[in-house]
């Protein structure tokens, strides 16, 4: 591994800038940034409908997911039902009321990625995505080994 310090803080910089990009949307719709994140997660990943998915995959703390989902349900952005697959779990689905936030959020996501990939050759972008996916897969394998070993 090279000693180049360019990559130090990369993930934090991306996350911080992404969060700043999404803040005006949360403010405009009168909901929390976490609620916007949840709407985007559910809208962009329709196979994942459980609160546990939001916690494990999106990485939002369980208490924040729970509090935000309760508010979002009261305000009509989501419906929450007992899962047919596992009665202990609740399935979350976006309502039509969430659609404008989802669409605006997706447009902001697209703009965000256009901006951070500006000036980067499309072939290099594809390489970056492929390498990034491999790193994520390797991290998942490492995490699974640690869990299986009981460490």
Foldseek 3Di string as FASTA:
>chain_A
DDPDCPCVCVVVVLVVVLLVLCVVLCVVVVHDSVLLVVLQCCVVPVVDFWLVCCCVPVVDDSVVSVVRVVVCVVVQQWDWAQDPVHNVIIGIDGDPVCVVSNVVSVVSVVVSVCVVCPPPPPVVVVVVVVVVVVVVVVVVVVVVVCVVVVD
